[in-house]
Amino acid sequence: MFKEYVWNMFIETGNLESYMFFKEIEERDKAEEQRNLAKAEVAPSATDT
């Protein structure tokens, strides 16, 4: 939701700082998703015990 707000602000104003902020949010989201995937891959399953 916040990411869409920042994107719309960039579209309406053409402000490059808004675009850079949008890209920063996007990169953080990707990094968080990759961390979660890595945690899921190494997490022991119930059948491992």
PDB file of N, CA and C in Angstrom:
ATOM      1  N   MET A   1       0.824  -1.182   0.000  1.00  0.00           N
ATOM      2  CA  MET A   1       0.000   0.000   0.000  1.00  0.00           C
ATOM      3  C   MET A   1       0.876   1.257   0.000  1.00  0.00           C
ATOM      4  N   PHE A   2       1.854   1.307   0.888  1.00  0.00           N
ATOM      5  CA  PHE A   2       2.736   2.469   0.938  1.00  0.00           C
ATOM      6  C   PHE A   2       3.559   2.569  -0.336  1.00  0.00           C
ATOM      7  N   LYS A   3       3.967   1.408  -0.843  1.00  0.00           N
ATOM      8  CA  LYS A   3       4.754   1.386  -2.074  1.00  0.00           C
ATOM      9  C   LYS A   3       3.942   1.989  -3.223  1.00  0.00           C
ATOM     10  N   GLU A   4       2.663   1.663  -3.300  1.00  0.00           N
ATOM     11  CA  GLU A   4       1.806   2.213  -4.352  1.00  0.00           C
ATOM     12  C   GLU A   4       1.643   3.722  -4.192  1.00  0.00           C
ATOM     13  N   TYR A   5       1.538   4.168  -2.938  1.00  0.00           N
ATOM     14  CA  TYR A   5       1.420   5.604  -2.681  1.00  0.00           C
ATOM     15  C   TYR A   5       2.658   6.347  -3.192  1.00  0.00           C
ATOM     16  N   VAL A   6       3.836   5.806  -2.872  1.00  0.00           N
ATOM     17  CA  VAL A   6       5.081   6.445  -3.302  1.00  0.00           C
ATOM     18  C   VAL A   6       5.176   6.434  -4.824  1.00  0.00           C
ATOM     19  N   TRP A   7       4.777   5.314  -5.442  1.00  0.00           N
ATOM     20  CA  TRP A   7       4.814   5.240  -6.904  1.00  0.00           C
ATOM     21  C   TRP A   7       3.884   6.284  -7.515  1.00  0.00           C
ATOM     22  N   ASN A   8       2.670   6.397  -6.984  1.00  0.00           N
ATOM     23  CA  ASN A   8       1.719   7.380  -7.501  1.00  0.00           C
ATOM     24  C   ASN A   8       2.228   8.804  -7.305  1.00  0.00           C
ATOM     25  N   MET A   9       2.923   9.049  -6.196  1.00  0.00           N
ATOM     26  CA  MET A   9       3.498  10.366  -5.974  1.00  0.00           C
ATOM     27  C   MET A   9       4.540  10.664  -7.054  1.00  0.00           C
ATOM     28  N   PHE A  10       5.350   9.669  -7.399  1.00  0.00           N
ATOM     29  CA  PHE A  10       6.335   9.859  -8.465  1.00  0.00           C
ATOM     30  C   PHE A  10       5.643  10.131  -9.797  1.00  0.00           C
ATOM     31  N   ILE A  11       4.624   9.351 -10.107  1.00  0.00           N
ATOM     32  CA  ILE A  11       3.903   9.523 -11.376  1.00  0.00           C
ATOM     33  C   ILE A  11       3.308  10.923 -11.470  1.00  0.00           C
ATOM     34  N   GLU A  12       2.723  11.398 -10.369  1.00  0.00           N
ATOM     35  CA  GLU A  12       2.062  12.701 -10.393  1.00  0.00           C
ATOM     36  C   GLU A  12       3.044  13.868 -10.405  1.00  0.00           C
ATOM     37  N   THR A  13       4.182  13.716  -9.714  1.00  0.00           N
ATOM     38  CA  THR A  13       5.094  14.852  -9.574  1.00  0.00           C
ATOM     39  C   THR A  13       6.341  14.744 -10.436  1.00  0.00           C
ATOM     40  N   GLY A  14       6.730  13.513 -10.797  1.00  0.00           N
ATOM     41  CA  GLY A  14       7.973  13.325 -11.529  1.00  0.00           C
ATOM     42  C   GLY A  14       9.202  13.505 -10.650  1.00  0.00           C
ATOM     43  N   ASN A  15       8.997  13.510  -9.344  1.00  0.00           N
ATOM     44  CA  ASN A  15      10.080  13.716  -8.385  1.00  0.00           C
ATOM     45  C   ASN A  15      10.975  12.483  -8.346  1.00  0.00           C
ATOM     46  N   LEU A  16      12.250  12.665  -8.674  1.00  0.00           N
ATOM     47  CA  LEU A  16      13.180  11.535  -8.701  1.00  0.00           C
ATOM     48  C   LEU A  16      13.438  10.957  -7.314  1.00  0.00           C
ATOM     49  N   GLU A  17      13.339  11.777  -6.277  1.00  0.00           N
ATOM     50  CA  GLU A  17      13.507  11.263  -4.918  1.00  0.00           C
ATOM     51  C   GLU A  17      12.405  10.258  -4.592  1.00  0.00           C
ATOM     52  N   SER A  18      11.203  10.511  -5.069  1.00  0.00           N
ATOM     53  CA  SER A  18      10.103   9.568  -4.865  1.00  0.00           C
ATOM     54  C   SER A  18      10.392   8.256  -5.578  1.00  0.00           C
ATOM     55  N   TYR A  19      10.938   8.349  -6.780  1.00  0.00           N
ATOM     56  CA  TYR A  19      11.278   7.141  -7.530  1.00  0.00           C
ATOM     57  C   TYR A  19      12.366   6.351  -6.822  1.00  0.00           C
ATOM     58  N   MET A  20      13.390   7.032  -6.333  1.00  0.00           N
ATOM     59  CA  MET A  20      14.475   6.353  -5.620  1.00  0.00           C
ATOM     60  C   MET A  20      13.953   5.705  -4.342  1.00  0.00           C
ATOM     61  N   PHE A  21      13.050   6.370  -3.656  1.00  0.00           N
ATOM     62  CA  PHE A  21      12.451   5.806  -2.455  1.00  0.00           C
ATOM     63  C   PHE A  21      11.639   4.563  -2.807  1.00  0.00           C
ATOM     64  N   PHE A  22      10.903   4.624  -3.912  1.00  0.00           N
ATOM     65  CA  PHE A  22      10.141   3.466  -4.377  1.00  0.00           C
ATOM     66  C   PHE A  22      11.064   2.287  -4.641  1.00  0.00           C
ATOM     67  N   LYS A  23      12.180   2.532  -5.317  1.00  0.00           N
ATOM     68  CA  LYS A  23      13.130   1.455  -5.618  1.00  0.00           C
ATOM     69  C   LYS A  23      13.737   0.887  -4.336  1.00  0.00           C
ATOM     70  N   GLU A  24      13.986   1.734  -3.352  1.00  0.00           N
ATOM     71  CA  GLU A  24      14.515   1.268  -2.069  1.00  0.00           C
ATOM     72  C   GLU A  24      13.511   0.348  -1.375  1.00  0.00           C
ATOM     73  N   ILE A  25      12.253   0.735  -1.388  1.00  0.00           N
ATOM     74  CA  ILE A  25      11.207  -0.105  -0.792  1.00  0.00           C
ATOM     75  C   ILE A  25      11.136  -1.435  -1.530  1.00  0.00           C
ATOM     76  N   GLU A  26      11.206  -1.387  -2.849  1.00  0.00           N
ATOM     77  CA  GLU A  26      11.153  -2.598  -3.664  1.00  0.00           C
ATOM     78  C   GLU A  26      12.318  -3.536  -3.333  1.00  0.00           C
ATOM     79  N   GLU A  27      13.513  -2.988  -3.192  1.00  0.00           N
ATOM     80  CA  GLU A  27      14.690  -3.800  -2.856  1.00  0.00           C
ATOM     81  C   GLU A  27      14.560  -4.418  -1.468  1.00  0.00           C
ATOM     82  N   ARG A  28      14.035  -3.665  -0.517  1.00  0.00           N
ATOM     83  CA  ARG A  28      13.830  -4.206   0.832  1.00  0.00           C
ATOM     84  C   ARG A  28      12.832  -5.352   0.804  1.00  0.00           C
ATOM     85  N   ASP A  29      11.769  -5.191   0.020  1.00  0.00           N
ATOM     86  CA  ASP A  29      10.771  -6.261  -0.101  1.00  0.00           C
ATOM     87  C   ASP A  29      11.395  -7.524  -0.688  1.00  0.00           C
ATOM     88  N   LYS A  30      12.211  -7.360  -1.725  1.00  0.00           N
ATOM     89  CA  LYS A  30      12.866  -8.513  -2.349  1.00  0.00           C
ATOM     90  C   LYS A  30      13.818  -9.198  -1.376  1.00  0.00           C
ATOM     91  N   ALA A  31      14.583  -8.406  -0.631  1.00  0.00           N
ATOM     92  CA  ALA A  31      15.532  -8.969   0.332  1.00  0.00           C
ATOM     93  C   ALA A  31      14.794  -9.728   1.430  1.00  0.00           C
ATOM     94  N   GLU A  32      13.693  -9.175   1.893  1.00  0.00           N
ATOM     95  CA  GLU A  32      12.906  -9.850   2.932  1.00  0.00           C
ATOM     96  C   GLU A  32      12.332 -11.165   2.407  1.00  0.00           C
ATOM     97  N   GLU A  33      11.849 -11.153   1.181  1.00  0.00           N
ATOM     98  CA  GLU A  33      11.309 -12.368   0.581  1.00  0.00           C
ATOM     99  C   GLU A  33      12.394 -13.438   0.446  1.00  0.00           C
ATOM    100  N   GLN A  34      13.579 -13.035   0.040  1.00  0.00           N
ATOM    101  CA  GLN A  34      14.684 -13.990  -0.093  1.00  0.00           C
ATOM    102  C   GLN A  34      15.098 -14.546   1.263  1.00  0.00           C
ATOM    103  N   ARG A  35      15.111 -13.697   2.298  1.00  0.00           N
ATOM    104  CA  ARG A  35      15.429 -14.177   3.649  1.00  0.00           C
ATOM    105  C   ARG A  35      14.402 -15.193   4.115  1.00  0.00           C
ATOM    106  N   ASN A  36      13.138 -14.907   3.869  1.00  0.00           N
ATOM    107  CA  ASN A  36      12.075 -15.827   4.276  1.00  0.00           C
ATOM    108  C   ASN A  36      12.185 -17.157   3.546  1.00  0.00           C
ATOM    109  N   LEU A  37      12.519 -17.122   2.258  1.00  0.00           N
ATOM    110  CA  LEU A  37      12.695 -18.361   1.502  1.00  0.00           C
ATOM    111  C   LEU A  37      13.870 -19.162   2.041  1.00  0.00           C
ATOM    112  N   ALA A  38      14.950 -18.480   2.373  1.00  0.00           N
ATOM    113  CA  ALA A  38      16.125 -19.165   2.912  1.00  0.00           C
ATOM    114  C   ALA A  38      15.811 -19.792   4.264  1.00  0.00           C
ATOM    115  N   LYS A  39      15.075 -19.088   5.100  1.00  0.00           N
ATOM    116  CA  LYS A  39      14.686 -19.635   6.402  1.00  0.00           C
ATOM    117  C   LYS A  39      13.806 -20.861   6.225  1.00  0.00           C
ATOM    118  N   ALA A  40      12.901 -20.810   5.265  1.00  0.00           N
ATOM    119  CA  ALA A  40      12.000 -21.938   5.028  1.00  0.00           C
ATOM    120  C   ALA A  40      12.771 -23.153   4.524  1.00  0.00           C
ATOM    121  N   GLU A  41      13.823 -22.920   3.752  1.00  0.00           N
ATOM    122  CA  GLU A  41      14.608 -24.035   3.221  1.00  0.00           C
ATOM    123  C   GLU A  41      15.417 -24.735   4.303  1.00  0.00           C
ATOM    124  N   VAL A  42      15.903 -24.002   5.277  1.00  0.00           N
ATOM    125  CA  VAL A  42      16.741 -24.607   6.311  1.00  0.00           C
ATOM    126  C   VAL A  42      15.966 -24.984   7.563  1.00  0.00           C
ATOM    127  N   ALA A  43      14.723 -24.576   7.659  1.00  0.00           N
ATOM    128  CA  ALA A  43      13.923 -24.902   8.837  1.00  0.00           C
ATOM    129  C   ALA A  43      13.642 -26.397   8.863  1.00  0.00           C
ATOM    130  N   PRO A  44      13.840 -27.019  10.018  1.00  0.00           N
ATOM    131  CA  PRO A  44      13.557 -28.459  10.104  1.00  0.00           C
ATOM    132  C   PRO A  44      12.052 -28.715  10.006  1.00  0.00           C
ATOM    133  N   SER A  45      11.715 -29.764   9.317  1.00  0.00           N
ATOM    134  CA  SER A  45      10.301 -30.107   9.212  1.00  0.00           C
ATOM    135  C   SER A  45       9.925 -31.016  10.371  1.00  0.00           C
ATOM    136  N   ALA A  46       8.652 -31.247  10.555  1.00  0.00           N
ATOM    137  CA  ALA A  46       8.169 -32.081  11.654  1.00  0.00           C
ATOM    138  C   ALA A  46       8.614 -33.527  11.483  1.00  0.00           C
ATOM    139  N   THR A  47       8.890 -33.954  10.255  1.00  0.00           N
ATOM    140  CA  THR A  47       9.299 -35.342  10.015  1.00  0.00           C
ATOM    141  C   THR A  47      10.789 -35.557  10.254  1.00  0.00           C
ATOM    142  N   ASP A  48      11.562 -34.472  10.440  1.00  0.00           N
ATOM    143  CA  ASP A  48      12.999 -34.596  10.680  1.00  0.00           C
ATOM    144  C   ASP A  48      13.321 -35.034  12.101  1.00  0.00           C
ATOM    145  N   THR A  49      12.395 -34.946  13.012  1.00  0.00           N
ATOM    146  CA  THR A  49      12.676 -35.282  14.414  1.00  0.00           C
ATOM    147  C   THR A  49      12.433 -36.722  14.719  1.00  0.00           C
TER     148      THR A  49
END
